[in-house]
Amino acid sequence: MAVKQEQRPPEQQLLPGENRLRLILDTALDAVISIDKNGLITEWNKQAEAIFGWPAEEVIGKLMSDILIPPAYRAQHWQSFRKFLEDGSSKILNKRVGVEALTRSGTIIPVEVTVTVQRNENCYFTSFIRDMRCEKKAREKILKYSKELERSNQELDDFCYIVSHDLKEALRGIQHFSQFLLEDCADRLDEDGKKKLRTISDLTQRLGELLDVLLQYSRLGRTELAIGETNLNDVVQNVVQLFCIKIQETEAEVKICQQLPTIVCDRIRIAEVFRNLIGNALKYTDKKGNKIDIGCINNHTRALGENVFFVRDQGIGIAPEHLEAIFKIFKRLHPKGAYGGGTGSGLAITKKIISQHGGQTWAESKGKDQGTTFFFTLPQQKSVLITTQ
C-alpha cells in the first residue's frame, strides 16, 4: 500500500530557479543592491525599498551613484569605480565598511556596506547594506551617559574634597576651644563637665581622622597615576622594614615566597597597597608568631594567566559573608577600639588604587581563626603619566 506523502504548505515548498532566489532576496534583513559595469542598478530588494524609500521599478536601470551616493562623495565614488575596472584594485571589496548613504527624502543616513564582485552580464557588483541608524543612536546614548557619569563622579570627588577640607577647619577650632576650656577653666568645672569636654575633644579628633581618609580617598580620583618601571621586591622589603618594631613585638614571621616581578605601575601607591595589607596581617591576630606570606602566582582560577599577588596571614580570619563588605570605606567588623582601632579605610583605598591600575582585588578566608589571603592583580601599564597634585 502506498504511503500518502504529507503535503507541505505552499510557503514551505521549494520554489524553482529565479522565484526561489527572489524569495530569498526579498526576505533578507539587509538591503541587497546589484549594479552592472556601467554603474546601473540591476537588483533592488524589498529591504532596499524599506531603507531608502525607492520602489524597485523607479530605480532599476538608473545610476546607483545618483540614487544612493551623497553629492559630496560622487566624484570620489566614480574615481574608485573606474580604477577597479582598469586594474582590479579596491580598498573596500569584501569588507564591512561604514559609510553614509542618501535616501529618497534627501536624508543622509549611516550604513554598513559589504561589496562583492560577480562579473556577469547583468550583475557586476552586489552590495549588502545594513541600516546603522539604531546602532548609531544607541552608541551616542551610551557615550552621553558615560560622559554624564564621568562628570558626576568628578563632581562628587570635588564635593568630598571641599567639604572635608572645610569641615576639618571647623573641627580643629572645636577641638582647640574644648582643650582651652579644660586648661583655663578646670577649677570651675566639676568632673562631669571635664568628662564631657574630653568627649568633645575625642569625638572631634575621631571625626578629623575620618575626614582625612575622605580627603585621601577623593584625592585618589583627582590625580593621575605616576607610573614607571618598579621592582616589587624592593617595594615589599621597604614596607616590611617599616613594620620591623611591630614584627619584633608580635614575633611575626614575614616571608617573600618567591622573586616578585618588575612591572610598570605607580610605585608610591602600590607601596601603600602592600603597607595596608601587611599592616592588617600584623594587626588582626590574637596570638604571637603569626606567619605572613607574600608572593605572586599566575594560575589563580579567578585570573588565569595574570600575575596575581597575595598577602596571606594566619590571623583571626573573616566570615565568608563579610568578604565583600570589608572593602567598603569605613567598614569595620569589630568594635571601634578592638585590634588597635582604625577608620576602616585601608582596604577601600587599596581596592581603589588597584582599580586605577586596571586590576581587581578580593579576599579569601575559611572563617574564624583560619587566616585570610588578600589577592590583587596588576596589569602592565602602557603609558607613563605624571602625577598632578
Protein backbone atom coordinates (compact mmCIF):
# COMPACT_ATOMS: atom_id res chain seq x y z
CA MET A 1 0.00 0.00 0.00
CA ALA A 2 1.41 3.36 -1.00
CA VAL A 3 2.07 5.78 1.80
CA LYS A 4 0.45 9.12 1.23
CA GLN A 5 3.03 11.87 1.49
CA GLU A 6 2.05 14.85 3.64
CA GLN A 7 1.51 17.98 1.58
CA ARG A 8 3.56 20.95 2.81
CA PRO A 9 2.07 24.46 2.91
CA PRO A 10 2.87 26.48 -0.24
CA GLU A 11 5.25 28.82 1.60
CA GLN A 12 7.41 25.84 2.66
CA GLN A 13 7.68 24.27 -0.78
CA LEU A 14 10.96 24.74 -2.67
CA LEU A 15 10.50 27.31 -5.44
CA PRO A 16 12.35 26.78 -8.74
CA GLY A 17 15.06 28.99 -10.07
CA GLU A 18 14.52 32.72 -10.08
CA ASN A 19 11.36 32.62 -7.96
CA ARG A 20 13.27 30.94 -5.14
CA LEU A 21 16.12 33.46 -5.42
CA ARG A 22 13.61 36.31 -5.37
CA LEU A 23 12.05 34.96 -2.17
CA ILE A 24 15.48 34.81 -0.52
CA LEU A 25 16.36 38.36 -1.58
CA ASP A 26 13.04 39.84 -0.53
CA THR A 27 13.13 38.26 2.93
CA ALA A 28 16.73 39.33 3.63
CA LEU A 29 17.17 41.69 6.59
CA ASP A 30 19.77 43.77 4.73
CA ALA A 31 19.37 45.76 1.55
CA VAL A 32 20.74 43.82 -1.45
CA ILE A 33 21.61 46.03 -4.43
CA SER A 34 23.40 44.94 -7.62
CA ILE A 35 24.83 47.11 -10.41
CA ASP A 36 26.37 46.36 -13.78
CA LYS A 37 29.77 47.52 -15.00
CA ASN A 38 28.26 50.84 -16.07
CA GLY A 39 27.04 51.54 -12.54
CA LEU A 40 23.37 50.93 -13.40
CA ILE A 41 21.14 49.25 -10.81
CA THR A 42 20.05 45.72 -11.79
CA GLU A 43 18.82 44.39 -8.41
CA TRP A 44 16.92 46.17 -5.61
CA ASN A 45 15.28 44.03 -2.92
CA LYS A 46 12.41 44.77 -0.52
CA GLN A 47 14.72 45.83 2.31
CA ALA A 48 16.40 48.33 -0.04
CA GLU A 49 12.94 49.79 -0.65
CA ALA A 50 12.29 49.95 3.12
CA ILE A 51 15.63 51.61 3.98
CA PHE A 52 15.98 54.09 1.11
CA GLY A 53 12.32 54.73 0.20
CA TRP A 54 12.62 53.98 -3.53
CA PRO A 55 10.45 51.21 -5.07
CA ALA A 56 12.41 48.88 -7.32
CA GLU A 57 10.60 49.89 -10.52
CA GLU A 58 11.77 53.50 -10.09
CA VAL A 59 15.49 52.73 -9.66
CA ILE A 60 16.20 49.70 -11.87
CA GLY A 61 18.32 50.89 -14.78
CA LYS A 62 19.37 54.13 -13.09
CA LEU A 63 22.83 55.09 -11.89
CA MET A 64 23.37 53.86 -8.36
CA SER A 65 25.52 56.92 -7.61
CA ASP A 66 22.60 59.25 -8.42
CA ILE A 67 20.28 57.31 -6.11
CA LEU A 68 22.43 56.43 -3.06
CA ILE A 69 25.72 58.37 -3.04
CA PRO A 70 25.56 61.82 -1.36
CA PRO A 71 26.65 64.55 -3.85
CA ALA A 72 29.81 65.34 -1.86
CA TYR A 73 31.13 61.77 -2.37
CA ARG A 74 30.11 61.08 -6.01
CA ALA A 75 33.37 62.20 -7.63
CA GLN A 76 35.37 60.00 -5.25
CA HIS A 77 32.98 57.09 -5.92
CA TRP A 78 33.43 57.29 -9.69
CA GLN A 79 37.21 57.60 -9.35
CA SER A 80 37.33 54.37 -7.28
CA PHE A 81 34.85 52.68 -9.66
CA ARG A 82 36.93 53.42 -12.76
CA LYS A 83 40.18 52.42 -11.03
CA PHE A 84 38.75 49.00 -10.22
CA LEU A 85 37.59 48.48 -13.83
CA GLU A 86 41.09 49.41 -15.04
CA ASP A 87 43.36 47.42 -12.72
CA GLY A 88 41.11 45.48 -10.31
CA SER A 89 42.36 47.31 -7.20
CA SER A 90 39.96 48.29 -4.41
CA LYS A 91 40.20 49.09 -0.70
CA ILE A 92 36.65 48.13 0.22
CA LEU A 93 35.80 44.86 -1.54
CA ASN A 94 34.66 42.02 0.75
CA LYS A 95 34.99 44.21 3.84
CA ARG A 96 32.44 45.76 6.18
CA VAL A 97 32.73 49.49 5.67
CA GLY A 98 30.87 52.28 7.44
CA VAL A 99 29.69 54.99 5.01
CA GLU A 100 26.86 57.46 4.50
CA ALA A 101 24.01 56.92 2.04
CA LEU A 102 21.24 59.06 0.57
CA THR A 103 17.51 58.27 0.95
CA ARG A 104 14.68 59.31 -1.37
CA SER A 105 13.76 62.13 1.02
CA GLY A 106 17.27 63.57 0.79
CA THR A 107 18.26 62.43 4.28
CA ILE A 108 21.81 61.16 4.71
CA ILE A 109 21.95 58.07 6.94
CA PRO A 110 24.79 55.91 8.36
CA VAL A 111 25.04 52.44 6.79
CA GLU A 112 27.41 49.47 6.81
CA VAL A 113 28.26 48.15 3.33
CA THR A 114 29.90 44.97 2.05
CA VAL A 115 30.65 44.96 -1.70
CA THR A 116 31.31 41.78 -3.70
CA VAL A 117 32.18 41.21 -7.39
CA GLN A 118 30.34 38.76 -9.70
CA ARG A 119 31.38 39.79 -13.27
CA ASN A 120 28.43 38.55 -15.32
CA GLU A 121 26.23 40.26 -17.90
CA ASN A 122 23.54 41.56 -15.58
CA CYS A 123 25.47 41.94 -12.31
CA TYR A 124 28.98 43.18 -11.77
CA PHE A 125 28.86 44.36 -8.14
CA THR A 126 26.50 43.39 -5.33
CA SER A 127 26.26 45.44 -2.14
CA PHE A 128 24.82 44.18 1.13
CA ILE A 129 23.77 47.26 3.11
CA ARG A 130 22.73 47.47 6.77
CA ASP A 131 20.92 50.48 8.23
CA MET A 132 23.01 51.68 11.19
CA ARG A 133 20.73 54.45 12.47
CA CYS A 134 19.56 52.48 15.53
CA GLU A 135 23.11 51.37 16.38
CA LYS A 136 24.39 54.94 15.99
CA LYS A 137 21.69 56.28 18.32
CA ALA A 138 22.49 53.57 20.87
CA ARG A 139 26.22 54.39 20.75
CA GLU A 140 25.52 58.10 21.09
CA LYS A 141 23.27 57.43 24.08
CA ILE A 142 25.91 55.25 25.76
CA LEU A 143 28.57 57.90 25.11
CA LYS A 144 26.28 60.59 26.54
CA TYR A 145 25.60 58.56 29.69
CA SER A 146 29.31 57.77 30.07
CA LYS A 147 30.22 61.44 29.92
CA GLU A 148 27.46 62.32 32.40
CA LEU A 149 28.65 59.61 34.77
CA GLU A 150 32.25 60.78 34.46
CA ARG A 151 31.19 64.37 35.18
CA SER A 152 29.03 63.25 38.12
CA ASN A 153 31.91 61.24 39.61
CA GLN A 154 34.26 64.21 39.22
CA GLU A 155 31.73 66.50 40.90
CA LEU A 156 31.37 64.01 43.74
CA ASP A 157 35.15 63.84 44.18
CA ASP A 158 35.33 67.65 44.19
CA PHE A 159 32.47 67.86 46.70
CA CYS A 160 34.13 65.35 49.06
CA TYR A 161 37.40 67.24 48.84
CA ILE A 162 35.91 70.69 49.52
CA VAL A 163 33.54 69.59 52.27
CA SER A 164 36.21 67.50 54.00
CA HIS A 165 38.68 70.36 53.88
CA ASP A 166 36.19 72.93 55.22
CA LEU A 167 34.86 70.64 57.93
CA LYS A 168 38.38 69.94 59.16
CA GLU A 169 38.88 73.64 59.77
CA ALA A 170 35.71 73.83 61.87
CA LEU A 171 36.59 70.68 63.81
CA ARG A 172 40.07 71.97 64.52
CA GLY A 173 38.50 75.04 66.10
CA ILE A 174 36.10 72.98 68.23
CA GLN A 175 38.93 70.75 69.43
CA HIS A 176 41.18 73.70 70.31
CA PHE A 177 38.47 75.56 72.23
CA SER A 178 37.46 72.44 74.17
CA GLN A 179 41.13 71.98 75.07
CA PHE A 180 41.39 75.63 76.16
CA LEU A 181 38.34 75.21 78.40
CA LEU A 182 39.88 72.14 80.02
CA GLU A 183 43.11 74.01 80.70
CA ASP A 184 41.82 77.50 81.59
CA CYS A 185 38.55 76.68 83.36
CA ALA A 186 39.46 73.42 85.07
CA ASP A 187 38.93 74.91 88.53
CA ARG A 188 35.35 75.96 87.62
CA LEU A 189 34.30 72.62 86.12
CA ASP A 190 33.17 69.55 88.00
CA GLU A 191 34.30 66.09 86.93
CA ASP A 192 31.23 65.57 84.78
CA GLY A 193 31.91 68.81 82.89
CA LYS A 194 35.53 67.86 82.31
CA LYS A 195 34.46 64.42 81.06
CA LYS A 196 32.08 65.98 78.55
CA LEU A 197 34.77 68.33 77.25
CA ARG A 198 37.19 65.42 76.90
CA THR A 199 34.49 63.53 74.99
CA ILE A 200 34.02 66.51 72.66
CA SER A 201 37.77 66.61 72.07
CA ASP A 202 37.94 62.85 71.39
CA LEU A 203 34.96 62.94 69.03
CA THR A 204 36.33 65.86 67.02
CA GLN A 205 39.68 64.10 66.76
CA ARG A 206 37.93 60.94 65.56
CA LEU A 207 35.89 62.89 63.02
CA GLY A 208 39.04 64.65 61.87
CA GLU A 209 40.65 61.28 61.19
CA LEU A 210 37.63 60.21 59.14
CA LEU A 211 37.78 63.43 57.14
CA ASP A 212 41.49 62.84 56.50
CA VAL A 213 40.52 59.50 54.99
CA LEU A 214 37.82 61.15 52.85
CA LEU A 215 40.37 63.67 51.61
CA GLN A 216 42.82 60.92 50.75
CA TYR A 217 40.14 58.79 49.10
CA SER A 218 38.81 61.67 46.99
CA ARG A 219 42.36 62.72 46.06
CA LEU A 220 42.91 59.27 44.53
CA GLY A 221 40.21 60.12 42.00
CA ARG A 222 41.64 63.58 41.31
CA THR A 223 45.22 62.66 40.38
CA GLU A 224 46.72 60.57 37.59
CA LEU A 225 48.97 57.60 38.16
CA ALA A 226 52.70 58.38 38.11
CA ILE A 227 53.74 55.09 36.58
CA GLY A 228 57.16 53.71 35.83
CA GLU A 229 59.20 50.52 36.00
CA THR A 230 59.02 49.21 39.57
CA ASN A 231 60.89 46.37 41.25
CA LEU A 232 58.26 44.95 43.61
CA ASN A 233 60.87 43.12 45.68
CA ASP A 234 62.36 46.48 46.70
CA VAL A 235 58.90 47.87 47.39
CA VAL A 236 57.88 44.99 49.67
CA GLN A 237 61.21 44.89 51.52
CA ASN A 238 60.96 48.62 52.25
CA VAL A 239 57.39 48.20 53.52
CA VAL A 240 58.38 45.25 55.74
CA GLN A 241 61.21 47.33 57.18
CA LEU A 242 58.66 49.97 58.25
CA PHE A 243 56.96 47.33 60.43
CA CYS A 244 60.17 45.97 61.97
CA ILE A 245 59.22 47.01 65.54
CA LYS A 246 55.71 45.58 65.24
CA ILE A 247 57.14 42.36 63.78
CA GLN A 248 59.54 42.01 66.73
CA GLU A 249 56.84 42.74 69.31
CA THR A 250 54.44 40.15 67.89
CA GLU A 251 57.18 37.66 66.96
CA ALA A 252 55.69 37.53 63.48
CA GLU A 253 57.46 35.98 60.51
CA VAL A 254 57.12 37.81 57.19
CA LYS A 255 58.29 35.87 54.15
CA ILE A 256 58.50 36.74 50.45
CA CYS A 257 57.78 33.34 48.92
CA GLN A 258 59.49 33.92 45.57
CA GLN A 259 61.12 36.61 43.46
CA LEU A 260 58.48 39.21 42.61
CA PRO A 261 58.38 40.62 39.07
CA THR A 262 59.40 44.09 37.94
CA ILE A 263 56.34 45.79 36.47
CA VAL A 264 55.19 49.20 35.28
CA CYS A 265 52.98 50.80 37.95
CA ASP A 266 52.69 53.73 40.35
CA ARG A 267 55.41 52.81 42.86
CA ILE A 268 54.15 55.01 45.70
CA ARG A 269 50.56 53.81 45.51
CA ILE A 270 51.45 50.14 45.17
CA ALA A 271 53.71 50.56 48.22
CA GLU A 272 50.61 51.85 50.03
CA VAL A 273 48.71 48.72 48.95
CA PHE A 274 51.36 46.44 50.47
CA ARG A 275 51.56 48.68 53.54
CA ASN A 276 47.80 48.34 54.12
CA LEU A 277 47.73 44.57 53.57
CA ILE A 278 50.85 43.72 55.59
CA GLY A 279 49.75 46.13 58.33
CA ASN A 280 46.36 44.40 58.56
CA ALA A 281 48.00 40.98 58.65
CA LEU A 282 50.11 42.09 61.64
CA LYS A 283 47.19 43.81 63.31
CA TYR A 284 44.35 41.29 63.11
CA THR A 285 45.68 38.39 65.12
CA ASP A 286 45.05 37.02 68.62
CA LYS A 287 48.40 35.29 69.03
CA LYS A 288 52.10 35.82 68.58
CA GLY A 289 54.13 34.10 65.89
CA ASN A 290 51.81 34.98 63.02
CA LYS A 291 53.24 33.83 59.68
CA ILE A 292 52.71 36.19 56.76
CA ASP A 293 53.49 35.05 53.21
CA ILE A 294 53.83 37.46 50.28
CA GLY A 295 54.04 36.21 46.72
CA CYS A 296 52.83 36.08 43.15
CA ILE A 297 51.10 33.32 41.16
CA ASN A 298 49.66 33.12 37.65
CA ASN A 299 47.32 30.14 37.95
CA HIS A 300 44.55 31.51 40.13
CA THR A 301 41.17 30.45 38.71
CA ARG A 302 39.83 33.98 39.08
CA ALA A 303 42.54 35.47 36.84
CA LEU A 304 44.22 32.69 34.85
CA GLY A 305 47.43 33.75 33.13
CA GLU A 306 47.65 37.04 35.03
CA ASN A 307 50.10 38.00 37.74
CA VAL A 308 48.10 37.61 40.95
CA PHE A 309 49.82 39.00 44.04
CA PHE A 310 48.86 37.84 47.51
CA VAL A 311 49.41 38.56 51.21
CA ARG A 312 48.46 35.55 53.36
CA ASP A 313 48.26 35.51 57.16
CA GLN A 314 47.31 33.13 59.97
CA GLY A 315 45.21 35.69 61.81
CA ILE A 316 41.61 35.86 63.00
CA GLY A 317 40.08 35.14 59.59
CA ILE A 318 36.92 36.57 58.03
CA ALA A 319 33.47 35.04 57.79
CA PRO A 320 32.58 34.32 54.13
CA GLU A 321 29.57 36.66 54.22
CA HIS A 322 31.86 39.61 55.01
CA LEU A 323 34.47 39.07 52.30
CA GLU A 324 32.92 41.71 50.01
CA ALA A 325 31.86 44.19 52.70
CA ILE A 326 35.39 44.65 54.09
CA PHE A 327 36.34 46.68 51.00
CA LYS A 328 33.74 49.38 51.72
CA ILE A 329 35.06 52.62 53.14
CA PHE A 330 34.70 52.99 56.95
CA LYS A 331 33.57 49.35 57.22
CA ARG A 332 34.89 47.65 60.37
CA LEU A 333 33.89 44.18 61.53
CA HIS A 334 34.99 44.84 65.13
CA PRO A 335 34.30 47.44 67.85
CA LYS A 336 35.99 50.82 67.47
CA GLY A 337 38.86 50.13 69.86
CA ALA A 338 39.43 46.44 69.02
CA TYR A 339 42.72 45.37 67.39
CA GLY A 340 44.22 48.83 67.75
CA GLY A 341 41.23 50.70 66.31
CA GLY A 342 41.31 52.43 62.96
CA THR A 343 38.98 54.10 60.49
CA GLY A 344 38.16 51.08 58.34
CA SER A 345 39.53 52.75 55.22
CA GLY A 346 42.71 50.83 54.33
CA LEU A 347 41.07 48.13 52.23
CA ALA A 348 38.79 50.62 50.44
CA ILE A 349 41.84 52.68 49.48
CA THR A 350 43.69 49.52 48.45
CA LYS A 351 40.85 48.48 46.17
CA LYS A 352 40.63 51.92 44.58
CA ILE A 353 44.38 52.02 43.87
CA ILE A 354 44.30 48.59 42.24
CA SER A 355 41.19 49.57 40.26
CA GLN A 356 43.04 52.65 38.97
CA HIS A 357 45.72 50.28 37.68
CA GLY A 358 43.05 48.23 35.87
CA GLY A 359 43.28 45.33 38.33
CA GLN A 360 40.91 43.61 40.74
CA THR A 361 41.08 42.92 44.48
CA TRP A 362 39.49 40.18 46.55
CA ALA A 363 39.94 38.18 49.75
CA GLU A 364 39.60 34.51 50.65
CA SER A 365 39.15 33.00 54.11
CA LYS A 366 37.66 29.82 55.52
CA GLY A 367 36.30 31.68 58.53
CA LYS A 368 37.17 32.41 62.15
CA ASP A 369 40.79 31.71 63.16
CA GLN A 370 41.52 30.31 59.68
CA GLY A 371 43.60 33.22 58.43
CA THR A 372 42.97 35.39 55.36
CA THR A 373 44.58 35.78 51.96
CA PHE A 374 44.25 39.05 50.07
CA PHE A 375 44.74 38.91 46.31
CA PHE A 376 45.14 41.62 43.67
CA THR A 377 46.12 41.80 40.02
CA LEU A 378 48.33 44.42 38.38
CA PRO A 379 48.02 44.57 34.56
CA GLN A 380 51.02 46.13 32.84
CA GLN A 381 50.53 49.85 32.19
CA LYS A 382 51.11 51.04 28.61
CA SER A 383 51.93 54.70 29.14
CA VAL A 384 53.67 56.93 31.63
CA LEU A 385 51.69 59.76 33.23
CA ILE A 386 53.00 62.45 35.53
CA THR A 387 51.15 62.92 38.81
CA THR A 388 49.30 66.24 39.07
CA GLN A 389 48.84 67.03 42.73
